Amino acid sequence: MTLPAPLPAGDVVVHDVLADEAAGYTRRGEVLTGGVSIARSLNLWLTVDGSAVTVERLPGRAAFPRTGVSTRLFTLTPQASRPV
């Protein structure tokens, strides 16, 4: 198994991966780095609570889930490192 390349340094790093049915599930990935504006440009809202960061999707023009409501996607917390 090939390991992914290390992510670049930045306040916010987004690894956007898409495997679209229309493209035969060919995987396409893009890494964006910068400030909070990177997340906002992707309709994501970041909330910092201590060492945890919660990521929510902002309301958009998607058909589902209903528009006008933000949706909590996940929360990132620090993990203890493990020996490789």
C-alpha atoms as a PDB file:
ATOM      1  CA  MET A   1       0.000   0.000   0.000  1.00  0.00           C
ATOM      2  CA  THR A   2       1.352   3.399  -0.970  1.00  0.00           C
ATOM      3  CA  LEU A   3       1.156   6.008   1.764  1.00  0.00           C
ATOM      4  CA  PRO A   4      -0.136   9.463   0.833  1.00  0.00           C
ATOM      5  CA  ALA A   5       2.287  12.364   0.622  1.00  0.00           C
ATOM      6  CA  PRO A   6       2.559  14.459   3.797  1.00  0.00           C
ATOM      7  CA  LEU A   7       0.090  17.326   3.939  1.00  0.00           C
ATOM      8  CA  PRO A   8       1.483  20.849   3.587  1.00  0.00           C
ATOM      9  CA  ALA A   9       1.758  23.153   6.593  1.00  0.00           C
ATOM     10  CA  GLY A  10      -1.008  25.691   7.089  1.00  0.00           C
ATOM     11  CA  ASP A  11      -3.631  26.891   9.545  1.00  0.00           C
ATOM     12  CA  VAL A  12      -6.234  24.950   7.556  1.00  0.00           C
ATOM     13  CA  VAL A  13      -5.487  22.031   5.214  1.00  0.00           C
ATOM     14  CA  VAL A  14      -8.348  20.468   3.254  1.00  0.00           C
ATOM     15  CA  HIS A  15      -7.864  17.192   1.383  1.00  0.00           C
ATOM     16  CA  ASP A  16     -10.833  17.084  -0.976  1.00  0.00           C
ATOM     17  CA  VAL A  17     -11.318  13.611  -2.492  1.00  0.00           C
ATOM     18  CA  LEU A  18     -14.009  12.762  -5.022  1.00  0.00           C
ATOM     19  CA  ALA A  19     -14.866   9.399  -6.583  1.00  0.00           C
ATOM     20  CA  ASP A  20     -17.713  10.356  -8.928  1.00  0.00           C
ATOM     21  CA  GLU A  21     -20.013   7.705 -10.402  1.00  0.00           C
ATOM     22  CA  ALA A  22     -20.248   9.669 -13.666  1.00  0.00           C
ATOM     23  CA  ALA A  23     -16.447   9.362 -14.062  1.00  0.00           C
ATOM     24  CA  GLY A  24     -16.419   5.609 -13.379  1.00  0.00           C
ATOM     25  CA  TYR A  25     -15.416   6.164  -9.737  1.00  0.00           C
ATOM     26  CA  THR A  26     -12.008   7.417 -10.797  1.00  0.00           C
ATOM     27  CA  ARG A  27     -10.504   9.008  -7.697  1.00  0.00           C
ATOM     28  CA  ARG A  28      -9.637  12.700  -7.906  1.00  0.00           C
ATOM     29  CA  GLY A  29      -7.934  14.481  -5.034  1.00  0.00           C
ATOM     30  CA  GLU A  30      -6.968  18.073  -4.356  1.00  0.00           C
ATOM     31  CA  VAL A  31      -5.143  19.588  -1.366  1.00  0.00           C
ATOM     32  CA  LEU A  32      -5.945  23.178  -0.421  1.00  0.00           C
ATOM     33  CA  THR A  33      -4.073  25.065   2.284  1.00  0.00           C
ATOM     34  CA  GLY A  34      -4.339  28.500   3.809  1.00  0.00           C
ATOM     35  CA  GLY A  35      -6.467  30.177   6.431  1.00  0.00           C
ATOM     36  CA  VAL A  36     -10.060  29.773   7.506  1.00  0.00           C
ATOM     37  CA  SER A  37     -11.142  31.297   4.165  1.00  0.00           C
ATOM     38  CA  ILE A  38     -10.225  27.971   2.496  1.00  0.00           C
ATOM     39  CA  ALA A  39     -12.871  26.174   4.568  1.00  0.00           C
ATOM     40  CA  ARG A  40     -15.443  28.919   4.014  1.00  0.00           C
ATOM     41  CA  SER A  41     -14.895  28.785   0.249  1.00  0.00           C
ATOM     42  CA  LEU A  42     -15.967  25.114   0.440  1.00  0.00           C
ATOM     43  CA  ASN A  43     -19.059  25.998   2.544  1.00  0.00           C
ATOM     44  CA  LEU A  44     -17.502  24.584   5.719  1.00  0.00           C
ATOM     45  CA  TRP A  45     -17.633  26.170   9.166  1.00  0.00           C
ATOM     46  CA  LEU A  46     -14.890  25.427  11.710  1.00  0.00           C
ATOM     47  CA  THR A  47     -15.486  25.740  15.465  1.00  0.00           C
ATOM     48  CA  VAL A  48     -12.533  25.461  17.855  1.00  0.00           C
ATOM     49  CA  ASP A  49     -13.227  24.195  21.385  1.00  0.00           C
ATOM     50  CA  GLY A  50      -9.968  23.757  23.285  1.00  0.00           C
ATOM     51  CA  SER A  51      -7.891  21.322  21.223  1.00  0.00           C
ATOM     52  CA  ALA A  52     -10.911  19.996  19.263  1.00  0.00           C
ATOM     53  CA  VAL A  53     -12.163  21.351  15.926  1.00  0.00           C
ATOM     54  CA  THR A  54     -15.724  20.681  14.778  1.00  0.00           C
ATOM     55  CA  VAL A  55     -16.458  20.854  11.041  1.00  0.00           C
ATOM     56  CA  GLU A  56     -19.942  21.747   9.838  1.00  0.00           C
ATOM     57  CA  ARG A  57     -21.326  22.101   6.329  1.00  0.00           C
ATOM     58  CA  LEU A  58     -22.988  25.469   5.797  1.00  0.00           C
ATOM     59  CA  PRO A  59     -26.383  25.702   4.106  1.00  0.00           C
ATOM     60  CA  GLY A  60     -26.044  25.547   0.348  1.00  0.00           C
ATOM     61  CA  ARG A  61     -27.941  24.789  -2.810  1.00  0.00           C
ATOM     62  CA  ALA A  62     -27.958  21.010  -2.338  1.00  0.00           C
ATOM     63  CA  ALA A  63     -31.263  19.169  -2.727  1.00  0.00           C
ATOM     64  CA  PHE A  64     -30.605  17.014   0.339  1.00  0.00           C
ATOM     65  CA  PRO A  65     -30.364  17.585   3.209  1.00  0.00           C
ATOM     66  CA  ARG A  66     -32.727  20.512   3.159  1.00  0.00           C
ATOM     67  CA  THR A  67     -31.249  23.940   2.578  1.00  0.00           C
ATOM     68  CA  GLY A  68     -31.046  26.564   5.297  1.00  0.00           C
ATOM     69  CA  VAL A  69     -29.663  24.164   7.913  1.00  0.00           C
ATOM     70  CA  SER A  70     -26.009  23.597   8.767  1.00  0.00           C
ATOM     71  CA  THR A  71     -24.957  19.986   9.337  1.00  0.00           C
ATOM     72  CA  ARG A  72     -22.267  18.805  11.743  1.00  0.00           C
ATOM     73  CA  LEU A  73     -19.916  16.524   9.809  1.00  0.00           C
ATOM     74  CA  PHE A  74     -17.275  15.511  12.360  1.00  0.00           C
ATOM     75  CA  THR A  75     -15.028  16.644  15.230  1.00  0.00           C
ATOM     76  CA  LEU A  76     -11.243  16.324  15.137  1.00  0.00           C
ATOM     77  CA  THR A  77      -9.341  15.767  18.378  1.00  0.00           C
ATOM     78  CA  PRO A  78      -5.649  15.177  19.043  1.00  0.00           C
ATOM     79  CA  GLN A  79      -4.627  11.511  19.018  1.00  0.00           C
ATOM     80  CA  ALA A  80      -1.748   9.924  20.886  1.00  0.00           C
ATOM     81  CA  SER A  81       0.968   8.936  18.458  1.00  0.00           C
ATOM     82  CA  ARG A  82       1.667   5.231  17.939  1.00  0.00           C
ATOM     83  CA  PRO A  83       4.978   3.634  17.039  1.00  0.00           C
ATOM     84  CA  VAL A  84       5.130   2.573  13.397  1.00  0.00           C
END
